[in-house]
Protein backbone atom coordinates (compact mmCIF):
# COMPACT_ATOMS: atom_id res chain seq x y z
CA MET A 1 -19.50 -0.57 -106.67
CA GLY A 2 -21.72 1.33 -109.10
CA THR A 3 -24.15 4.17 -108.68
CA THR A 4 -26.43 4.69 -105.74
CA LYS A 5 -30.09 3.69 -105.69
CA VAL A 6 -30.80 6.66 -103.43
CA ASP A 7 -31.90 9.96 -104.97
CA CYS A 8 -28.93 12.12 -103.90
CA GLU A 9 -28.83 15.91 -104.01
CA LEU A 10 -25.12 16.78 -104.28
CA GLN A 11 -23.76 20.05 -102.88
CA LEU A 12 -20.05 20.80 -103.26
CA PHE A 13 -18.38 23.61 -101.35
CA LYS A 14 -14.86 24.80 -100.60
CA LEU A 15 -13.72 24.49 -97.01
CA GLY A 16 -13.66 27.94 -95.48
CA GLY A 17 -16.54 28.90 -97.77
CA ARG A 18 -20.29 28.47 -97.34
CA LEU A 19 -22.90 26.08 -98.55
CA SER A 20 -25.08 27.80 -101.12
CA GLY A 21 -28.76 28.55 -100.80
CA GLU A 22 -31.37 27.55 -98.27
CA LEU A 23 -31.19 24.05 -96.89
CA ALA A 24 -34.59 22.43 -96.53
CA GLU A 25 -34.68 19.77 -93.82
CA MET A 26 -33.84 16.34 -95.25
CA PRO A 27 -31.53 13.43 -94.40
CA THR A 28 -28.00 14.66 -95.01
CA VAL A 29 -24.45 13.30 -94.94
CA CYS A 30 -21.43 15.63 -95.02
CA LEU A 31 -18.00 14.57 -96.25
CA LEU A 32 -15.12 16.92 -95.39
CA ALA A 33 -11.77 16.42 -97.15
CA ALA A 34 -8.65 18.15 -95.82
CA ASP A 35 -4.91 17.57 -95.56
CA ALA A 36 -4.54 20.26 -92.88
CA LEU A 37 -6.84 22.11 -90.51
CA SER A 38 -7.21 25.69 -91.63
CA PRO A 39 -8.03 28.60 -89.32
CA SER A 40 -10.61 29.72 -91.91
CA LEU A 41 -12.61 26.50 -91.40
CA ASP A 42 -15.49 27.35 -89.07
CA LEU A 43 -16.78 23.94 -87.98
CA SER A 44 -19.18 25.55 -85.50
CA ALA A 45 -20.97 27.43 -88.28
CA LEU A 46 -21.02 24.31 -90.46
CA VAL A 47 -22.53 22.18 -87.68
CA ASP A 48 -25.02 24.94 -86.80
CA ARG A 49 -26.17 25.01 -90.42
CA LEU A 50 -26.18 21.29 -91.24
CA VAL A 51 -27.55 19.62 -88.11
CA PRO A 52 -30.87 21.55 -88.14
CA ALA A 53 -31.07 20.81 -91.90
CA GLY A 54 -30.94 17.06 -91.16
CA CYS A 55 -27.27 16.08 -91.13
CA ARG A 56 -26.96 12.70 -89.49
CA TYR A 57 -23.42 11.76 -90.49
CA PHE A 58 -20.14 13.68 -90.82
CA MET A 59 -17.33 11.90 -92.65
CA THR A 60 -13.71 13.07 -92.86
CA TRP A 61 -11.09 12.13 -95.46
CA GLY A 62 -7.54 13.20 -96.27
CA ALA A 63 -4.32 13.58 -94.27
CA ALA A 64 -6.11 15.64 -91.58
CA ALA A 65 -9.10 13.29 -91.31
CA GLU A 66 -8.38 12.26 -87.71
CA GLU A 67 -7.85 15.86 -86.50
CA LEU A 68 -10.94 17.03 -88.37
CA HIS A 69 -12.96 14.17 -86.91
CA ASP A 70 -11.85 15.06 -83.36
CA ALA A 71 -12.63 18.75 -83.93
CA LEU A 72 -16.10 17.88 -85.24
CA ASP A 73 -16.76 15.68 -82.21
CA GLU A 74 -15.85 18.58 -79.91
CA VAL A 75 -18.22 20.97 -81.69
CA LEU A 76 -21.07 18.43 -81.69
CA GLU A 77 -20.57 17.67 -77.98
CA ASP A 78 -20.46 21.40 -77.14
CA ARG A 79 -23.74 21.95 -79.03
CA GLY A 80 -25.54 19.08 -77.27
CA GLY A 81 -29.20 18.37 -78.10
CA ASP A 82 -29.83 17.16 -81.65
CA SER A 83 -26.14 17.53 -82.45
CA LEU A 84 -25.35 14.55 -80.26
CA ALA A 85 -27.32 12.31 -82.62
CA ALA A 86 -24.96 13.04 -85.53
CA VAL A 87 -22.41 10.30 -86.20
CA THR A 88 -18.81 11.12 -87.12
CA ALA A 89 -16.19 8.88 -88.69
CA SER A 90 -12.70 9.28 -90.09
CA HIS A 91 -12.05 7.60 -93.42
CA LYS A 92 -8.34 8.43 -93.48
CA GLY A 93 -6.43 6.27 -95.94
CA GLU A 94 -9.54 4.70 -97.46
CA PRO A 95 -9.86 4.63 -101.28
CA ALA A 96 -11.86 7.52 -102.75
CA GLU A 97 -14.28 5.14 -104.49
CA ASP A 98 -15.10 3.36 -101.21
CA VAL A 99 -15.64 6.64 -99.34
CA ALA A 100 -17.90 8.03 -102.08
CA TRP A 101 -19.92 4.81 -102.25
CA PHE A 102 -20.34 4.72 -98.46
CA MET A 103 -21.46 8.36 -98.38
CA ALA A 104 -24.24 7.77 -100.93
CA ASN A 105 -25.26 4.23 -99.97
CA ALA A 106 -24.54 3.38 -96.35
CA ALA A 107 -23.95 6.46 -94.17
CA VAL A 108 -27.69 7.08 -93.73
CA PRO A 109 -29.42 3.75 -94.47
CA GLY A 110 -33.08 3.37 -95.28
CA GLU A 111 -33.55 6.73 -97.00
CA SER A 112 -34.78 7.09 -100.57
CA ARG A 113 -33.71 10.77 -100.80
CA LEU A 114 -30.50 12.19 -99.37
CA ARG A 115 -28.46 15.39 -99.45
CA CYS A 116 -24.74 14.70 -99.89
CA CYS A 117 -22.57 17.70 -98.98
CA VAL A 118 -18.88 17.54 -99.85
CA GLY A 119 -16.60 20.22 -98.43
CA TYR A 120 -13.05 20.19 -99.72
CA ASP A 121 -9.77 21.98 -100.14
CA ASP A 122 -8.34 21.98 -103.69
CA ALA A 123 -4.91 21.14 -102.27
CA VAL A 124 -6.02 17.77 -100.83
CA ALA A 125 -4.00 14.93 -102.27
CA GLY A 126 -6.39 12.79 -104.33
CA MET A 127 -9.13 15.43 -104.43
CA ASP A 128 -9.73 15.06 -108.17
CA GLU A 129 -10.08 11.31 -107.65
CA LEU A 130 -12.54 11.81 -104.78
CA LEU A 131 -14.71 14.26 -106.72
CA LYS A 132 -14.71 11.92 -109.71
CA ALA A 133 -15.77 9.03 -107.44
CA VAL A 134 -18.51 11.14 -105.83
CA ARG A 135 -19.88 12.15 -109.22
CA ALA A 136 -19.80 8.51 -110.33
CA VAL A 137 -22.04 7.34 -107.46
CA VAL A 138 -24.43 10.28 -107.52
CA PRO A 139 -26.56 10.00 -110.67
CA GLY A 140 -27.13 13.13 -112.71
CA THR A 141 -23.94 14.94 -111.65
CA ARG A 142 -20.86 15.80 -113.69
């Protein structure tokens, strides 16, 4: 599928950890990869940080993608307001390359600059493959 034509700012973070630095407002997509829901994962804090920063799309991937998707929907619905405009989708069972391409090219169409946040757990089956695919579609990353 190739690299993206969108200028993507990639931010990787461990689930249960925090996104680094200040987040200027800009169109954002967030991909969360997990094989199990962890009590240390604070989805409320993540939503509270990303939605005001411009997150329009939350993607989930891994064995726990459906549960994570449902939990995100609950948090977004509880927040109301701008949070209700954010789209969520489970990509459980989809190939890493397809998920990475969709994140950078189709999740937020019509943008020339995009922040791509990827939260993950090292133990996720296929995580190395997903990170490799993400780096392949986001120019200038390793």
